[in-house]
Amino acid sequence: MTTLTGPRKDAVSGKADSLVIFLHGYGSDGNDLIGIADSLAEHLPNTTFLSPNAPQRCANNPMGYQWSPIPRLDGSTEEAARAGQIEAVDLLCAYLDEVATVERVGPERTIIFGFSQGTMMALHVGPRREVSFAGIAGFSGRLLHPELLEAEMKSKPPILLVHGDSDDMVPPAALPEAADALAKAGFEVYTHISKNTGHGIAPDGLGTALQFINMKLGN
């Protein structure tokens, strides 16, 4: 078993044939995103929703978690940030392997849904997996190390990027930067800008994500 645990919401039909895995942002936890499942479940009755906590307690919020330190927010060193990311990537990959086995649902029927630092993890890990996920929906994040993408990618899941135009935590410019790098590497990329939205998930963005999930799961 991995060390990643968190809340879940089982498929309302009782017969799951797909998964949505939420990856939360810096300083938050799995409970922050699992509530979104209540809005999606009626439209995805055969989907189980999982929302693991990140592996490290957050330096800025001991009640929350982080995938890795963020120097500009918590004063950590770049070395600590890199080491934390490596650890988080390894643990997330082990978790994804475990989930596929335990839930009996493969990556081809799995959507990764990230927010902020969770989006950064999703965009980093997803393309480096041997078997492609059904899709990645990433809100308010950025693509880490775009210069390494083409050399290190092993699969090309379709990707939806959503960002608020008033985000003061992760600049909205991060969306076109990520989209351009992904498209250049041959990914199928969709984008959506939520108007008058800060660092969060607006109803129109969530609706766009639902359309994307339904399309990629063939519902």
Protein backbone atom coordinates (compact mmCIF):
# COMPACT_ATOMS: atom_id res chain seq x y z
CA MET A 1 0.00 0.00 0.00
CA THR A 2 1.15 3.56 -0.68
CA THR A 3 1.00 6.35 1.86
CA LEU A 4 -1.56 8.36 -0.14
CA THR A 5 -5.05 8.19 1.32
CA GLY A 6 -8.10 10.40 1.14
CA PRO A 7 -11.86 10.59 0.70
CA ARG A 8 -13.84 8.86 -2.02
CA LYS A 9 -17.33 8.83 -3.48
CA ASP A 10 -18.48 5.55 -4.96
CA ALA A 11 -20.36 5.34 -8.24
CA VAL A 12 -24.03 6.08 -7.65
CA SER A 13 -24.97 3.14 -9.88
CA GLY A 14 -22.96 0.78 -7.71
CA LYS A 15 -21.12 -0.43 -10.82
CA ALA A 16 -18.09 1.71 -11.55
CA ASP A 17 -16.51 1.45 -14.98
CA SER A 18 -14.51 4.68 -14.74
CA LEU A 19 -12.59 6.83 -12.26
CA VAL A 20 -12.02 10.51 -11.66
CA ILE A 21 -8.99 11.17 -9.46
CA PHE A 22 -8.77 14.65 -7.94
CA LEU A 23 -5.36 16.17 -7.14
CA HIS A 24 -5.74 19.12 -4.77
CA GLY A 25 -3.71 22.29 -4.51
CA TYR A 26 -0.99 23.51 -2.17
CA GLY A 27 -2.05 23.72 1.48
CA SER A 28 -5.34 21.91 0.91
CA ASP A 29 -6.41 18.27 1.19
CA GLY A 30 -8.55 15.65 -0.50
CA ASN A 31 -11.72 16.97 1.12
CA ASP A 32 -11.33 20.25 -0.76
CA LEU A 33 -12.12 18.67 -4.14
CA ILE A 34 -14.19 15.60 -3.31
CA GLY A 35 -17.23 17.86 -2.92
CA ILE A 36 -17.08 18.46 -6.67
CA ALA A 37 -18.06 14.83 -7.06
CA ASP A 38 -21.54 15.72 -5.78
CA SER A 39 -22.01 17.99 -8.79
CA LEU A 40 -20.60 15.49 -11.27
CA ALA A 41 -21.97 12.20 -9.97
CA GLU A 42 -25.49 12.52 -11.35
CA HIS A 43 -24.00 13.00 -14.81
CA LEU A 44 -21.41 10.25 -14.32
CA PRO A 45 -23.35 7.50 -12.54
CA ASN A 46 -20.80 4.80 -13.28
CA THR A 47 -17.81 6.79 -12.05
CA THR A 48 -16.04 6.46 -8.71
CA PHE A 49 -14.31 9.60 -7.44
CA LEU A 50 -11.07 9.51 -5.44
CA SER A 51 -9.28 12.46 -3.83
CA PRO A 52 -5.97 11.54 -2.18
CA ASN A 53 -4.15 13.83 0.22
CA ALA A 54 -0.73 14.96 -0.98
CA PRO A 55 2.17 13.24 0.84
CA GLN A 56 3.64 16.16 2.81
CA ARG A 57 2.22 18.41 5.49
CA CYS A 58 2.18 22.00 4.24
CA ALA A 59 4.71 24.35 5.79
CA ASN A 60 2.30 27.28 5.51
CA ASN A 61 -0.76 25.36 6.68
CA PRO A 62 -0.02 22.43 9.01
CA MET A 63 -3.65 21.32 8.69
CA GLY A 64 -3.22 20.90 4.94
CA TYR A 65 -0.88 19.11 2.56
CA GLN A 66 1.50 19.89 -0.27
CA TRP A 67 2.84 17.87 -3.17
CA SER A 68 6.15 19.65 -2.70
CA PRO A 69 7.45 22.89 -1.15
CA ILE A 70 7.07 26.16 -3.07
CA PRO A 71 10.03 28.44 -2.31
CA ARG A 72 8.28 31.72 -3.12
CA LEU A 73 5.46 30.85 -0.71
CA ASP A 74 7.20 29.07 2.14
CA GLY A 75 10.83 30.14 1.96
CA SER A 76 12.08 26.64 1.18
CA THR A 77 15.15 26.04 -0.94
CA GLU A 78 15.06 25.06 -4.59
CA GLU A 79 16.81 21.82 -3.60
CA ALA A 80 14.03 21.00 -1.12
CA ALA A 81 11.41 21.76 -3.75
CA ARG A 82 13.06 19.44 -6.28
CA ALA A 83 13.49 16.65 -3.72
CA GLY A 84 9.87 17.02 -2.63
CA GLN A 85 8.63 16.85 -6.18
CA ILE A 86 10.63 13.70 -6.92
CA GLU A 87 9.18 12.04 -3.82
CA ALA A 88 5.65 13.15 -4.67
CA VAL A 89 5.92 11.90 -8.26
CA ASP A 90 7.08 8.48 -7.08
CA LEU A 91 4.29 8.22 -4.51
CA LEU A 92 1.62 9.41 -6.94
CA CYS A 93 2.74 6.91 -9.58
CA ALA A 94 2.62 4.10 -7.01
CA TYR A 95 -0.85 5.27 -5.94
CA LEU A 96 -2.12 5.31 -9.53
CA ASP A 97 -0.82 1.77 -10.08
CA GLU A 98 -2.48 0.61 -6.89
CA VAL A 99 -5.80 2.29 -7.70
CA ALA A 100 -5.97 0.65 -11.12
CA THR A 101 -5.54 -2.76 -9.50
CA VAL A 102 -7.83 -2.27 -6.50
CA GLU A 103 -10.63 -0.50 -8.38
CA ARG A 104 -10.22 -2.73 -11.45
CA VAL A 105 -10.35 0.31 -13.71
CA GLY A 106 -7.44 0.99 -16.04
CA PRO A 107 -5.96 4.33 -17.05
CA GLU A 108 -7.89 4.29 -20.32
CA ARG A 109 -11.04 4.79 -18.19
CA THR A 110 -9.47 7.22 -15.72
CA ILE A 111 -9.60 11.02 -15.70
CA ILE A 112 -7.09 13.01 -13.66
CA PHE A 113 -8.65 16.26 -12.39
CA GLY A 114 -6.15 18.70 -10.92
CA PHE A 115 -6.28 22.10 -9.27
CA SER A 116 -3.30 24.46 -8.96
CA GLN A 117 -0.34 22.41 -7.66
CA GLY A 118 -2.44 19.31 -8.35
CA THR A 119 -2.66 20.37 -12.00
CA MET A 120 1.12 20.72 -12.10
CA MET A 121 1.44 17.17 -10.78
CA ALA A 122 -1.11 15.87 -13.29
CA LEU A 123 0.58 17.53 -16.26
CA HIS A 124 3.98 16.28 -15.15
CA VAL A 125 3.04 12.69 -14.27
CA GLY A 126 0.37 11.96 -16.88
CA PRO A 127 2.53 12.19 -20.03
CA ARG A 128 5.29 10.16 -18.36
CA ARG A 129 3.03 7.14 -17.78
CA GLU A 130 3.34 4.20 -20.16
CA VAL A 131 -0.41 3.91 -20.75
CA SER A 132 -2.42 7.02 -21.51
CA PHE A 133 -5.15 8.23 -19.20
CA ALA A 134 -8.55 8.94 -20.75
CA GLY A 135 -7.86 12.61 -20.08
CA ILE A 136 -6.45 15.27 -17.79
CA ALA A 137 -8.53 18.26 -16.70
CA GLY A 138 -6.30 20.88 -15.13
CA PHE A 139 -7.48 24.06 -13.40
CA SER A 140 -5.35 27.06 -12.46
CA GLY A 141 -1.98 25.38 -12.91
CA ARG A 142 1.08 25.41 -15.10
CA LEU A 143 3.27 22.96 -16.99
CA LEU A 144 6.46 22.21 -15.09
CA HIS A 145 9.69 21.84 -17.07
CA PRO A 146 8.16 22.23 -20.56
CA GLU A 147 11.65 21.89 -22.04
CA LEU A 148 11.75 18.25 -20.88
CA LEU A 149 8.31 17.23 -22.12
CA GLU A 150 9.10 15.92 -25.61
CA ALA A 151 12.13 13.94 -24.44
CA GLU A 152 10.41 12.35 -21.43
CA MET A 153 6.79 11.81 -22.53
CA LYS A 154 5.61 8.23 -22.96
CA SER A 155 1.91 8.81 -23.65
CA LYS A 156 -0.32 11.64 -24.86
CA PRO A 157 -3.56 11.90 -22.90
CA PRO A 158 -5.99 14.56 -24.14
CA ILE A 159 -5.79 17.62 -21.93
CA LEU A 160 -8.22 20.35 -20.89
CA LEU A 161 -6.72 23.50 -19.35
CA VAL A 162 -8.98 25.92 -17.45
CA HIS A 163 -7.91 29.18 -15.84
CA GLY A 164 -9.55 32.22 -14.29
CA ASP A 165 -8.72 35.51 -16.00
CA SER A 166 -8.27 37.22 -12.62
CA ASP A 167 -6.05 34.58 -10.99
CA ASP A 168 -3.51 36.32 -8.74
CA MET A 169 -1.82 33.11 -7.55
CA VAL A 170 -0.94 31.42 -10.85
CA PRO A 171 -0.93 33.97 -13.71
CA PRO A 172 -3.50 33.36 -16.48
CA ALA A 173 -0.59 33.46 -18.95
CA ALA A 174 0.37 30.01 -17.64
CA LEU A 175 -2.51 28.55 -19.67
CA PRO A 176 -1.36 29.55 -23.17
CA GLU A 177 2.24 28.74 -22.23
CA ALA A 178 1.24 25.20 -21.25
CA ALA A 179 -1.15 24.81 -24.17
CA ASP A 180 1.51 25.86 -26.70
CA ALA A 181 4.12 23.47 -25.29
CA LEU A 182 1.65 20.58 -25.17
CA ALA A 183 0.34 21.22 -28.68
CA LYS A 184 3.88 21.45 -30.02
CA ALA A 185 4.56 18.01 -28.51
CA GLY A 186 1.51 16.58 -30.28
CA PHE A 187 -1.08 16.57 -27.51
CA GLU A 188 -4.79 17.11 -28.09
CA VAL A 189 -5.40 20.28 -26.05
CA TYR A 190 -8.59 22.10 -25.11
CA THR A 191 -8.67 25.41 -23.24
CA HIS A 192 -11.24 27.50 -21.38
CA ILE A 193 -10.94 30.89 -19.67
CA SER A 194 -13.38 31.63 -16.85
CA LYS A 195 -14.25 35.32 -16.86
CA ASN A 196 -14.04 37.36 -13.65
CA THR A 197 -12.62 34.35 -11.84
CA GLY A 198 -9.64 34.24 -9.51
CA HIS A 199 -7.74 31.21 -8.25
CA GLY A 200 -10.66 28.82 -8.14
CA ILE A 201 -13.13 26.68 -10.05
CA ALA A 202 -16.08 28.58 -11.49
CA PRO A 203 -19.35 26.94 -12.62
CA ASP A 204 -18.61 27.51 -16.31
CA GLY A 205 -15.19 25.89 -15.94
CA LEU A 206 -16.66 22.91 -14.13
CA GLY A 207 -19.31 22.56 -16.84
CA THR A 208 -16.60 22.56 -19.48
CA ALA A 209 -14.72 19.88 -17.53
CA LEU A 210 -17.86 17.74 -17.35
CA GLN A 211 -18.29 17.97 -21.13
CA PHE A 212 -14.64 16.99 -21.57
CA ILE A 213 -14.95 14.04 -19.16
CA ASN A 214 -18.11 12.77 -20.85
CA MET A 215 -16.49 13.06 -24.28
CA LYS A 216 -13.33 11.23 -23.26
CA LEU A 217 -15.17 8.48 -21.38
CA GLY A 218 -17.56 8.01 -24.29
CA ASN A 219 -20.66 8.73 -22.22
